[in-house]
Amino acid sequence: MKFTGLLVVLLALVFSIGNAMALPAGKVEYAGGDKGKVTFDAKAHASKGLKCADCHSAPKLFAMKKGTDKLTMAAMGEGKFCGSCHDGKKAFSVKTEADCGKCHKA
């Protein structure tokens, strides 16, 4: 009986470790290519006055489900996805080499 209880506790710990290592709410991580991964921080964008609908419905720049959109720097450079705002006028540009580190982390 003690073994069964111990086994249940051990399994609970094993299955919960993924939640402990997950990204905090409001953050989404992308592979980011050769310049390093990109973590999108919804709270940072919300602090600038943006709402989810500003990117996910009004101009539908992004689908709601992660992995649905094929994000590329070329598309962003054409003003799609992040490049819609990150154009060097509204926010820093996705085309400026010096700004790569603002999103990409090696």
PDB file of N, CA and C in Angstrom:
ATOM      1  N   MET A   1       0.815  -1.186   0.000  1.00  0.00           N
ATOM      2  CA  MET A   1       0.000   0.000   0.000  1.00  0.00           C
ATOM      3  C   MET A   1       0.870   1.266   0.000  1.00  0.00           C
ATOM      4  N   LYS A   2       1.939   1.264   0.807  1.00  0.00           N
ATOM      5  CA  LYS A   2       2.836   2.421   0.845  1.00  0.00           C
ATOM      6  C   LYS A   2       3.495   2.629  -0.515  1.00  0.00           C
ATOM      7  N   PHE A   3       3.824   1.523  -1.185  1.00  0.00           N
ATOM      8  CA  PHE A   3       4.459   1.593  -2.499  1.00  0.00           C
ATOM      9  C   PHE A   3       3.534   2.284  -3.502  1.00  0.00           C
ATOM     10  N   THR A   4       2.252   1.963  -3.479  1.00  0.00           N
ATOM     11  CA  THR A   4       1.280   2.556  -4.403  1.00  0.00           C
ATOM     12  C   THR A   4       1.182   4.063  -4.162  1.00  0.00           C
ATOM     13  N   GLY A   5       1.143   4.474  -2.906  1.00  0.00           N
ATOM     14  CA  GLY A   5       1.086   5.898  -2.577  1.00  0.00           C
ATOM     15  C   GLY A   5       2.325   6.633  -3.053  1.00  0.00           C
ATOM     16  N   LEU A   6       3.476   6.023  -2.838  1.00  0.00           N
ATOM     17  CA  LEU A   6       4.739   6.612  -3.284  1.00  0.00           C
ATOM     18  C   LEU A   6       4.781   6.710  -4.803  1.00  0.00           C
ATOM     19  N   LEU A   7       4.297   5.667  -5.478  1.00  0.00           N
ATOM     20  CA  LEU A   7       4.265   5.658  -6.936  1.00  0.00           C
ATOM     21  C   LEU A   7       3.359   6.768  -7.463  1.00  0.00           C
ATOM     22  N   VAL A   8       2.225   6.974  -6.840  1.00  0.00           N
ATOM     23  CA  VAL A   8       1.289   8.033  -7.258  1.00  0.00           C
ATOM     24  C   VAL A   8       1.941   9.406  -7.096  1.00  0.00           C
ATOM     25  N   VAL A   9       2.604   9.628  -5.986  1.00  0.00           N
ATOM     26  CA  VAL A   9       3.275  10.914  -5.753  1.00  0.00           C
ATOM     27  C   VAL A   9       4.387  11.126  -6.778  1.00  0.00           C
ATOM     28  N   LEU A  10       5.160  10.099  -7.042  1.00  0.00           N
ATOM     29  CA  LEU A  10       6.250  10.191  -8.008  1.00  0.00           C
ATOM     30  C   LEU A  10       5.717  10.497  -9.407  1.00  0.00           C
ATOM     31  N   LEU A  11       4.669   9.823  -9.816  1.00  0.00           N
ATOM     32  CA  LEU A  11       4.075  10.087 -11.128  1.00  0.00           C
ATOM     33  C   LEU A  11       3.519  11.502 -11.215  1.00  0.00           C
ATOM     34  N   ALA A  12       2.913  11.977 -10.148  1.00  0.00           N
ATOM     35  CA  ALA A  12       2.392  13.347 -10.136  1.00  0.00           C
ATOM     36  C   ALA A  12       3.522  14.360 -10.325  1.00  0.00           C
ATOM     37  N   LEU A  13       4.639  14.125  -9.677  1.00  0.00           N
ATOM     38  CA  LEU A  13       5.795  15.015  -9.837  1.00  0.00           C
ATOM     39  C   LEU A  13       6.340  14.980 -11.259  1.00  0.00           C
ATOM     40  N   VAL A  14       6.444  13.781 -11.830  1.00  0.00           N
ATOM     41  CA  VAL A  14       6.967  13.638 -13.192  1.00  0.00           C
ATOM     42  C   VAL A  14       6.077  14.385 -14.182  1.00  0.00           C
ATOM     43  N   PHE A  15       4.765  14.230 -14.046  1.00  0.00           N
ATOM     44  CA  PHE A  15       3.861  14.870 -14.988  1.00  0.00           C
ATOM     45  C   PHE A  15       3.717  16.368 -14.768  1.00  0.00           C
ATOM     46  N   SER A  16       4.030  16.873 -13.603  1.00  0.00           N
ATOM     47  CA  SER A  16       3.898  18.304 -13.348  1.00  0.00           C
ATOM     48  C   SER A  16       5.168  19.074 -13.674  1.00  0.00           C
ATOM     49  N   ILE A  17       6.285  18.400 -13.891  1.00  0.00           N
ATOM     50  CA  ILE A  17       7.554  19.093 -14.169  1.00  0.00           C
ATOM     51  C   ILE A  17       7.452  19.938 -15.438  1.00  0.00           C
ATOM     52  N   GLY A  18       6.687  19.494 -16.432  1.00  0.00           N
ATOM     53  CA  GLY A  18       6.512  20.270 -17.658  1.00  0.00           C
ATOM     54  C   GLY A  18       5.858  21.608 -17.394  1.00  0.00           C
ATOM     55  N   ASN A  19       4.894  21.639 -16.495  1.00  0.00           N
ATOM     56  CA  ASN A  19       4.233  22.895 -16.149  1.00  0.00           C
ATOM     57  C   ASN A  19       5.189  23.844 -15.444  1.00  0.00           C
ATOM     58  N   ALA A  20       6.065  23.317 -14.629  1.00  0.00           N
ATOM     59  CA  ALA A  20       7.020  24.156 -13.906  1.00  0.00           C
ATOM     60  C   ALA A  20       8.030  24.779 -14.859  1.00  0.00           C
ATOM     61  N   MET A  21       8.309  24.111 -15.972  1.00  0.00           N
ATOM     62  CA  MET A  21       9.307  24.598 -16.921  1.00  0.00           C
ATOM     63  C   MET A  21       8.684  25.373 -18.076  1.00  0.00           C
ATOM     64  N   ALA A  22       7.373  25.490 -18.112  1.00  0.00           N
ATOM     65  CA  ALA A  22       6.678  26.181 -19.189  1.00  0.00           C
ATOM     66  C   ALA A  22       6.917  27.689 -19.097  1.00  0.00           C
ATOM     67  N   LEU A  23       6.668  28.380 -20.212  1.00  0.00           N
ATOM     68  CA  LEU A  23       6.786  29.837 -20.225  1.00  0.00           C
ATOM     69  C   LEU A  23       5.660  30.447 -19.396  1.00  0.00           C
ATOM     70  N   PRO A  24       5.900  31.598 -18.803  1.00  0.00           N
ATOM     71  CA  PRO A  24       4.843  32.275 -18.051  1.00  0.00           C
ATOM     72  C   PRO A  24       3.680  32.656 -18.970  1.00  0.00           C
ATOM     73  N   ALA A  25       2.515  32.863 -18.394  1.00  0.00           N
ATOM     74  CA  ALA A  25       1.336  33.266 -19.162  1.00  0.00           C
ATOM     75  C   ALA A  25       1.641  34.535 -19.942  1.00  0.00           C
ATOM     76  N   GLY A  26       1.159  34.595 -21.169  1.00  0.00           N
ATOM     77  CA  GLY A  26       1.361  35.779 -21.994  1.00  0.00           C
ATOM     78  C   GLY A  26       2.641  35.775 -22.793  1.00  0.00           C
ATOM     79  N   LYS A  27       3.413  34.700 -22.701  1.00  0.00           N
ATOM     80  CA  LYS A  27       4.654  34.607 -23.478  1.00  0.00           C
ATOM     81  C   LYS A  27       4.583  33.397 -24.393  1.00  0.00           C
ATOM     82  N   VAL A  28       5.039  33.583 -25.629  1.00  0.00           N
ATOM     83  CA  VAL A  28       5.059  32.513 -26.618  1.00  0.00           C
ATOM     84  C   VAL A  28       6.457  32.471 -27.210  1.00  0.00           C
ATOM     85  N   GLU A  29       7.017  31.286 -27.331  1.00  0.00           N
ATOM     86  CA  GLU A  29       8.385  31.146 -27.839  1.00  0.00           C
ATOM     87  C   GLU A  29       8.375  30.568 -29.246  1.00  0.00           C
ATOM     88  N   TYR A  30       9.214  31.130 -30.113  1.00  0.00           N
ATOM     89  CA  TYR A  30       9.379  30.691 -31.496  1.00  0.00           C
ATOM     90  C   TYR A  30      10.844  30.324 -31.718  1.00  0.00           C
ATOM     91  N   ALA A  31      11.090  29.436 -32.659  1.00  0.00           N
ATOM     92  CA  ALA A  31      12.455  28.973 -32.941  1.00  0.00           C
ATOM     93  C   ALA A  31      13.380  30.141 -33.298  1.00  0.00           C
ATOM     94  N   GLY A  32      12.982  31.010 -34.201  1.00  0.00           N
ATOM     95  CA  GLY A  32      13.752  32.210 -34.492  1.00  0.00           C
ATOM     96  C   GLY A  32      14.914  32.071 -35.460  1.00  0.00           C
ATOM     97  N   GLY A  33      15.150  30.901 -35.993  1.00  0.00           N
ATOM     98  CA  GLY A  33      16.196  30.733 -36.996  1.00  0.00           C
ATOM     99  C   GLY A  33      17.599  30.833 -36.450  1.00  0.00           C
ATOM    100  N   ASP A  34      18.532  31.211 -37.312  1.00  0.00           N
ATOM    101  CA  ASP A  34      19.956  31.207 -36.945  1.00  0.00           C
ATOM    102  C   ASP A  34      20.350  32.331 -35.991  1.00  0.00           C
ATOM    103  N   LYS A  35      19.491  33.305 -35.790  1.00  0.00           N
ATOM    104  CA  LYS A  35      19.812  34.410 -34.871  1.00  0.00           C
ATOM    105  C   LYS A  35      19.367  34.122 -33.441  1.00  0.00           C
ATOM    106  N   GLY A  36      18.695  32.990 -33.213  1.00  0.00           N
ATOM    107  CA  GLY A  36      18.265  32.626 -31.870  1.00  0.00           C
ATOM    108  C   GLY A  36      16.768  32.697 -31.690  1.00  0.00           C
ATOM    109  N   LYS A  37      16.298  32.071 -30.622  1.00  0.00           N
ATOM    110  CA  LYS A  37      14.858  31.997 -30.368  1.00  0.00           C
ATOM    111  C   LYS A  37      14.267  33.373 -30.087  1.00  0.00           C
ATOM    112  N   VAL A  38      12.960  33.467 -30.294  1.00  0.00           N
ATOM    113  CA  VAL A  38      12.213  34.694 -30.062  1.00  0.00           C
ATOM    114  C   VAL A  38      11.108  34.385 -29.066  1.00  0.00           C
ATOM    115  N   THR A  39      11.008  35.183 -28.017  1.00  0.00           N
ATOM    116  CA  THR A  39       9.917  35.051 -27.067  1.00  0.00           C
ATOM    117  C   THR A  39       9.040  36.283 -27.194  1.00  0.00           C
ATOM    118  N   PHE A  40       7.793  36.061 -27.650  1.00  0.00           N
ATOM    119  CA  PHE A  40       6.835  37.159 -27.745  1.00  0.00           C
ATOM    120  C   PHE A  40       6.240  37.386 -26.366  1.00  0.00           C
ATOM    121  N   ASP A  41       6.280  38.610 -25.898  1.00  0.00           N
ATOM    122  CA  ASP A  41       5.770  38.956 -24.577  1.00  0.00           C
ATOM    123  C   ASP A  41       4.522  39.828 -24.727  1.00  0.00           C
ATOM    124  N   ALA A  42       3.359  39.226 -24.511  1.00  0.00           N
ATOM    125  CA  ALA A  42       2.095  39.950 -24.655  1.00  0.00           C
ATOM    126  C   ALA A  42       1.991  41.101 -23.662  1.00  0.00           C
ATOM    127  N   LYS A  43       2.535  40.920 -22.456  1.00  0.00           N
ATOM    128  CA  LYS A  43       2.449  41.982 -21.444  1.00  0.00           C
ATOM    129  C   LYS A  43       3.228  43.220 -21.877  1.00  0.00           C
ATOM    130  N   ALA A  44       4.376  43.025 -22.512  1.00  0.00           N
ATOM    131  CA  ALA A  44       5.164  44.171 -22.984  1.00  0.00           C
ATOM    132  C   ALA A  44       4.383  44.952 -24.036  1.00  0.00           C
ATOM    133  N   HIS A  45       3.675  44.242 -24.906  1.00  0.00           N
ATOM    134  CA  HIS A  45       2.880  44.905 -25.928  1.00  0.00           C
ATOM    135  C   HIS A  45       1.639  45.557 -25.313  1.00  0.00           C
ATOM    136  N   ALA A  46       1.034  44.912 -24.328  1.00  0.00           N
ATOM    137  CA  ALA A  46      -0.139  45.475 -23.649  1.00  0.00           C
ATOM    138  C   ALA A  46       0.231  46.763 -22.910  1.00  0.00           C
ATOM    139  N   SER A  47       1.462  46.816 -22.388  1.00  0.00           N
ATOM    140  CA  SER A  47       1.899  48.021 -21.680  1.00  0.00           C
ATOM    141  C   SER A  47       2.012  49.220 -22.616  1.00  0.00           C
ATOM    142  N   LYS A  48       2.051  48.955 -23.920  1.00  0.00           N
ATOM    143  CA  LYS A  48       2.087  50.030 -24.922  1.00  0.00           C
ATOM    144  C   LYS A  48       0.675  50.391 -25.383  1.00  0.00           C
ATOM    145  N   GLY A  49      -0.339  49.756 -24.759  1.00  0.00           N
ATOM    146  CA  GLY A  49      -1.726  50.072 -25.081  1.00  0.00           C
ATOM    147  C   GLY A  49      -2.371  49.147 -26.087  1.00  0.00           C
ATOM    148  N   LEU A  50      -1.679  48.104 -26.492  1.00  0.00           N
ATOM    149  CA  LEU A  50      -2.240  47.173 -27.476  1.00  0.00           C
ATOM    150  C   LEU A  50      -3.124  46.128 -26.805  1.00  0.00           C
ATOM    151  N   LYS A  51      -4.127  45.688 -27.536  1.00  0.00           N
ATOM    152  CA  LYS A  51      -5.007  44.623 -27.089  1.00  0.00           C
ATOM    153  C   LYS A  51      -4.853  43.444 -28.049  1.00  0.00           C
ATOM    154  N   CYS A  52      -5.228  42.255 -27.609  1.00  0.00           N
ATOM    155  CA  CYS A  52      -5.101  41.041 -28.436  1.00  0.00           C
ATOM    156  C   CYS A  52      -5.749  41.247 -29.804  1.00  0.00           C
ATOM    157  N   ALA A  53      -6.930  41.854 -29.832  1.00  0.00           N
ATOM    158  CA  ALA A  53      -7.678  42.049 -31.083  1.00  0.00           C
ATOM    159  C   ALA A  53      -6.941  42.947 -32.068  1.00  0.00           C
ATOM    160  N   ASP A  54      -6.034  43.791 -31.580  1.00  0.00           N
ATOM    161  CA  ASP A  54      -5.292  44.685 -32.471  1.00  0.00           C
ATOM    162  C   ASP A  54      -4.449  43.904 -33.478  1.00  0.00           C
ATOM    163  N   CYS A  55      -4.053  42.701 -33.138  1.00  0.00           N
ATOM    164  CA  CYS A  55      -3.238  41.881 -34.044  1.00  0.00           C
ATOM    165  C   CYS A  55      -3.935  40.597 -34.481  1.00  0.00           C
ATOM    166  N   HIS A  56      -4.922  40.165 -33.688  1.00  0.00           N
ATOM    167  CA  HIS A  56      -5.561  38.885 -33.977  1.00  0.00           C
ATOM    168  C   HIS A  56      -6.926  38.988 -34.637  1.00  0.00           C
ATOM    169  N   SER A  57      -7.487  40.196 -34.770  1.00  0.00           N
ATOM    170  CA  SER A  57      -8.771  40.268 -35.466  1.00  0.00           C
ATOM    171  C   SER A  57      -8.950  41.516 -36.319  1.00  0.00           C
ATOM    172  N   ALA A  58      -8.714  42.700 -35.779  1.00  0.00           N
ATOM    173  CA  ALA A  58      -8.960  43.928 -36.557  1.00  0.00           C
ATOM    174  C   ALA A  58      -8.213  43.859 -37.894  1.00  0.00           C
ATOM    175  N   PRO A  59      -6.895  44.040 -37.942  1.00  0.00           N
ATOM    176  CA  PRO A  59      -6.189  43.538 -39.121  1.00  0.00           C
ATOM    177  C   PRO A  59      -5.717  42.157 -38.689  1.00  0.00           C
ATOM    178  N   LYS A  60      -6.194  41.115 -39.294  1.00  0.00           N
ATOM    179  CA  LYS A  60      -5.844  39.760 -38.827  1.00  0.00           C
ATOM    180  C   LYS A  60      -4.404  39.448 -39.237  1.00  0.00           C
ATOM    181  N   LEU A  61      -3.464  39.947 -38.439  1.00  0.00           N
ATOM    182  CA  LEU A  61      -2.044  39.731 -38.703  1.00  0.00           C
ATOM    183  C   LEU A  61      -1.604  38.335 -38.293  1.00  0.00           C
ATOM    184  N   PHE A  62      -2.208  37.803 -37.226  1.00  0.00           N
ATOM    185  CA  PHE A  62      -1.835  36.503 -36.684  1.00  0.00           C
ATOM    186  C   PHE A  62      -3.077  35.673 -36.398  1.00  0.00           C
ATOM    187  N   ALA A  63      -2.961  34.356 -36.607  1.00  0.00           N
ATOM    188  CA  ALA A  63      -4.011  33.432 -36.173  1.00  0.00           C
ATOM    189  C   ALA A  63      -3.895  33.290 -34.656  1.00  0.00           C
ATOM    190  N   MET A  64      -4.955  32.883 -34.002  1.00  0.00           N
ATOM    191  CA  MET A  64      -4.923  32.727 -32.546  1.00  0.00           C
ATOM    192  C   MET A  64      -4.114  31.504 -32.109  1.00  0.00           C
ATOM    193  N   LYS A  65      -4.077  30.469 -32.920  1.00  0.00           N
ATOM    194  CA  LYS A  65      -3.393  29.239 -32.535  1.00  0.00           C
ATOM    195  C   LYS A  65      -1.923  29.286 -32.943  1.00  0.00           C
ATOM    196  N   LYS A  66      -1.026  29.075 -31.970  1.00  0.00           N
ATOM    197  CA  LYS A  66       0.411  29.072 -32.239  1.00  0.00           C
ATOM    198  C   LYS A  66       0.737  27.972 -33.239  1.00  0.00           C
ATOM    199  N   GLY A  67       1.626  28.279 -34.162  1.00  0.00           N
ATOM    200  CA  GLY A  67       2.066  27.306 -35.156  1.00  0.00           C
ATOM    201  C   GLY A  67       1.268  27.363 -36.442  1.00  0.00           C
ATOM    202  N   THR A  68       0.199  28.153 -36.455  1.00  0.00           N
ATOM    203  CA  THR A  68      -0.639  28.269 -37.649  1.00  0.00           C
ATOM    204  C   THR A  68       0.038  29.138 -38.707  1.00  0.00           C
ATOM    205  N   ASP A  69       0.655  30.212 -38.272  1.00  0.00           N
ATOM    206  CA  ASP A  69       1.308  31.150 -39.196  1.00  0.00           C
ATOM    207  C   ASP A  69       2.753  30.749 -39.440  1.00  0.00           C
ATOM    208  N   LYS A  70       3.220  30.916 -40.665  1.00  0.00           N
ATOM    209  CA  LYS A  70       4.620  30.671 -41.010  1.00  0.00           C
ATOM    210  C   LYS A  70       5.325  32.026 -40.980  1.00  0.00           C
ATOM    211  N   LEU A  71       5.925  32.345 -39.817  1.00  0.00           N
ATOM    212  CA  LEU A  71       6.591  33.630 -39.639  1.00  0.00           C
ATOM    213  C   LEU A  71       7.978  33.581 -40.258  1.00  0.00           C
ATOM    214  N   THR A  72       8.246  34.514 -41.155  1.00  0.00           N
ATOM    215  CA  THR A  72       9.587  34.626 -41.742  1.00  0.00           C
ATOM    216  C   THR A  72      10.006  36.091 -41.717  1.00  0.00           C
ATOM    217  N   MET A  73      11.294  36.315 -41.682  1.00  0.00           N
ATOM    218  CA  MET A  73      11.797  37.686 -41.713  1.00  0.00           C
ATOM    219  C   MET A  73      11.458  38.358 -43.044  1.00  0.00           C
ATOM    220  N   ALA A  74      11.441  37.590 -44.122  1.00  0.00           N
ATOM    221  CA  ALA A  74      11.081  38.156 -45.427  1.00  0.00           C
ATOM    222  C   ALA A  74       9.653  38.695 -45.400  1.00  0.00           C
ATOM    223  N   ALA A  75       8.739  37.918 -44.838  1.00  0.00           N
ATOM    224  CA  ALA A  75       7.339  38.364 -44.747  1.00  0.00           C
ATOM    225  C   ALA A  75       7.230  39.592 -43.850  1.00  0.00           C
ATOM    226  N   MET A  76       7.966  39.602 -42.751  1.00  0.00           N
ATOM    227  CA  MET A  76       7.929  40.751 -41.854  1.00  0.00           C
ATOM    228  C   MET A  76       8.482  41.991 -42.541  1.00  0.00           C
ATOM    229  N   GLY A  77       9.530  41.803 -43.332  1.00  0.00           N
ATOM    230  CA  GLY A  77      10.108  42.912 -44.084  1.00  0.00           C
ATOM    231  C   GLY A  77       9.144  43.500 -45.101  1.00  0.00           C
ATOM    232  N   GLU A  78       8.168  42.682 -45.529  1.00  0.00           N
ATOM    233  CA  GLU A  78       7.134  43.139 -46.463  1.00  0.00           C
ATOM    234  C   GLU A  78       5.951  43.774 -45.733  1.00  0.00           C
ATOM    235  N   GLY A  79       6.047  43.903 -44.407  1.00  0.00           N
ATOM    236  CA  GLY A  79       4.983  44.526 -43.629  1.00  0.00           C
ATOM    237  C   GLY A  79       3.937  43.558 -43.116  1.00  0.00           C
ATOM    238  N   LYS A  80       4.232  42.263 -43.175  1.00  0.00           N
ATOM    239  CA  LYS A  80       3.297  41.267 -42.648  1.00  0.00           C
ATOM    240  C   LYS A  80       3.721  40.897 -41.223  1.00  0.00           C
ATOM    241  N   PHE A  81       2.820  40.283 -40.491  1.00  0.00           N
ATOM    242  CA  PHE A  81       3.082  39.828 -39.123  1.00  0.00           C
ATOM    243  C   PHE A  81       3.656  40.973 -38.283  1.00  0.00           C
ATOM    244  N   CYS A  82       4.766  40.732 -37.597  1.00  0.00           N
ATOM    245  CA  CYS A  82       5.382  41.743 -36.723  1.00  0.00           C
ATOM    246  C   CYS A  82       5.762  43.004 -37.497  1.00  0.00           C
ATOM    247  N   GLY A  83       6.126  42.832 -38.776  1.00  0.00           N
ATOM    248  CA  GLY A  83       6.550  43.953 -39.614  1.00  0.00           C
ATOM    249  C   GLY A  83       5.462  44.972 -39.873  1.00  0.00           C
ATOM    250  N   SER A  84       4.218  44.631 -39.554  1.00  0.00           N
ATOM    251  CA  SER A  84       3.126  45.588 -39.715  1.00  0.00           C
ATOM    252  C   SER A  84       3.334  46.805 -38.813  1.00  0.00           C
ATOM    253  N   CYS A  85       3.803  46.568 -37.599  1.00  0.00           N
ATOM    254  CA  CYS A  85       4.089  47.669 -36.669  1.00  0.00           C
ATOM    255  C   CYS A  85       5.583  47.954 -36.565  1.00  0.00           C
ATOM    256  N   HIS A  86       6.384  46.905 -36.635  1.00  0.00           N
ATOM    257  CA  HIS A  86       7.835  47.068 -36.503  1.00  0.00           C
ATOM    258  C   HIS A  86       8.424  47.445 -37.860  1.00  0.00           C
ATOM    259  N   ASP A  87       8.111  48.680 -38.250  1.00  0.00           N
ATOM    260  CA  ASP A  87       8.480  49.203 -39.562  1.00  0.00           C
ATOM    261  C   ASP A  87       9.468  50.366 -39.483  1.00  0.00           C
ATOM    262  N   GLY A  88       9.928  50.682 -38.284  1.00  0.00           N
ATOM    263  CA  GLY A  88      10.845  51.802 -38.104  1.00  0.00           C
ATOM    264  C   GLY A  88      10.139  53.113 -37.840  1.00  0.00           C
ATOM    265  N   LYS A  89       8.820  53.123 -37.959  1.00  0.00           N
ATOM    266  CA  LYS A  89       8.040  54.338 -37.689  1.00  0.00           C
ATOM    267  C   LYS A  89       7.211  54.144 -36.420  1.00  0.00           C
ATOM    268  N   LYS A  90       6.368  53.131 -36.440  1.00  0.00           N
ATOM    269  CA  LYS A  90       5.511  52.856 -35.287  1.00  0.00           C
ATOM    270  C   LYS A  90       6.321  52.216 -34.158  1.00  0.00           C
ATOM    271  N   ALA A  91       7.246  51.347 -34.509  1.00  0.00           N
ATOM    272  CA  ALA A  91       8.138  50.669 -33.552  1.00  0.00           C
ATOM    273  C   ALA A  91       9.440  50.359 -34.285  1.00  0.00           C
ATOM    274  N   PHE A  92      10.445  49.915 -33.548  1.00  0.00           N
ATOM    275  CA  PHE A  92      11.731  49.615 -34.195  1.00  0.00           C
ATOM    276  C   PHE A  92      11.522  48.681 -35.389  1.00  0.00           C
ATOM    277  N   SER A  93      12.408  48.757 -36.354  1.00  0.00           N
ATOM    278  CA  SER A  93      12.237  48.026 -37.603  1.00  0.00           C
ATOM    279  C   SER A  93      12.796  46.609 -37.559  1.00  0.00           C
ATOM    280  N   VAL A  94      12.049  45.682 -38.177  1.00  0.00           N
ATOM    281  CA  VAL A  94      12.546  44.305 -38.313  1.00  0.00           C
ATOM    282  C   VAL A  94      13.661  44.232 -39.357  1.00  0.00           C
ATOM    283  N   LYS A  95      13.867  45.304 -40.109  1.00  0.00           N
ATOM    284  CA  LYS A  95      14.884  45.325 -41.160  1.00  0.00           C
ATOM    285  C   LYS A  95      16.241  45.836 -40.675  1.00  0.00           C
ATOM    286  N   THR A  96      16.286  46.433 -39.477  1.00  0.00           N
ATOM    287  CA  THR A  96      17.516  47.035 -38.967  1.00  0.00           C
ATOM    288  C   THR A  96      18.345  45.991 -38.223  1.00  0.00           C
ATOM    289  N   GLU A  97      19.505  45.687 -38.749  1.00  0.00           N
ATOM    290  CA  GLU A  97      20.389  44.656 -38.179  1.00  0.00           C
ATOM    291  C   GLU A  97      20.689  44.908 -36.705  1.00  0.00           C
ATOM    292  N   ALA A  98      20.856  46.164 -36.338  1.00  0.00           N
ATOM    293  CA  ALA A  98      21.186  46.503 -34.952  1.00  0.00           C
ATOM    294  C   ALA A  98      20.052  46.177 -33.982  1.00  0.00           C
ATOM    295  N   ASP A  99      18.841  46.005 -34.488  1.00  0.00           N
ATOM    296  CA  ASP A  99      17.683  45.724 -33.634  1.00  0.00           C
ATOM    297  C   ASP A  99      17.368  44.230 -33.503  1.00  0.00           C
ATOM    298  N   CYS A 100      18.115  43.366 -34.177  1.00  0.00           N
ATOM    299  CA  CYS A 100      17.839  41.920 -34.134  1.00  0.00           C
ATOM    300  C   CYS A 100      17.777  41.392 -32.696  1.00  0.00           C
ATOM    301  N   GLY A 101      18.689  41.846 -31.863  1.00  0.00           N
ATOM    302  CA  GLY A 101      18.777  41.380 -30.491  1.00  0.00           C
ATOM    303  C   GLY A 101      17.608  41.777 -29.605  1.00  0.00           C
ATOM    304  N   LYS A 102      16.771  42.692 -30.094  1.00  0.00           N
ATOM    305  CA  LYS A 102      15.598  43.073 -29.306  1.00  0.00           C
ATOM    306  C   LYS A 102      14.570  41.939 -29.264  1.00  0.00           C
ATOM    307  N   CYS A 103      14.617  41.066 -30.250  1.00  0.00           N
ATOM    308  CA  CYS A 103      13.688  39.924 -30.284  1.00  0.00           C
ATOM    309  C   CYS A 103      14.415  38.592 -30.196  1.00  0.00           C
ATOM    310  N   HIS A 104      15.513  38.466 -30.926  1.00  0.00           N
ATOM    311  CA  HIS A 104      16.238  37.197 -30.999  1.00  0.00           C
ATOM    312  C   HIS A 104      17.255  37.078 -29.868  1.00  0.00           C
ATOM    313  N   LYS A 105      17.213  35.935 -29.179  1.00  0.00           N
ATOM    314  CA  LYS A 105      18.166  35.649 -28.096  1.00  0.00           C
ATOM    315  C   LYS A 105      18.867  34.332 -28.420  1.00  0.00           C
ATOM    316  N   ALA A 106      20.172  34.401 -28.518  1.00  0.00           N
ATOM    317  CA  ALA A 106      20.967  33.208 -28.873  1.00  0.00           C
ATOM    318  C   ALA A 106      20.901  32.151 -27.788  1.00  0.00           C
TER     319      ALA A 106
END
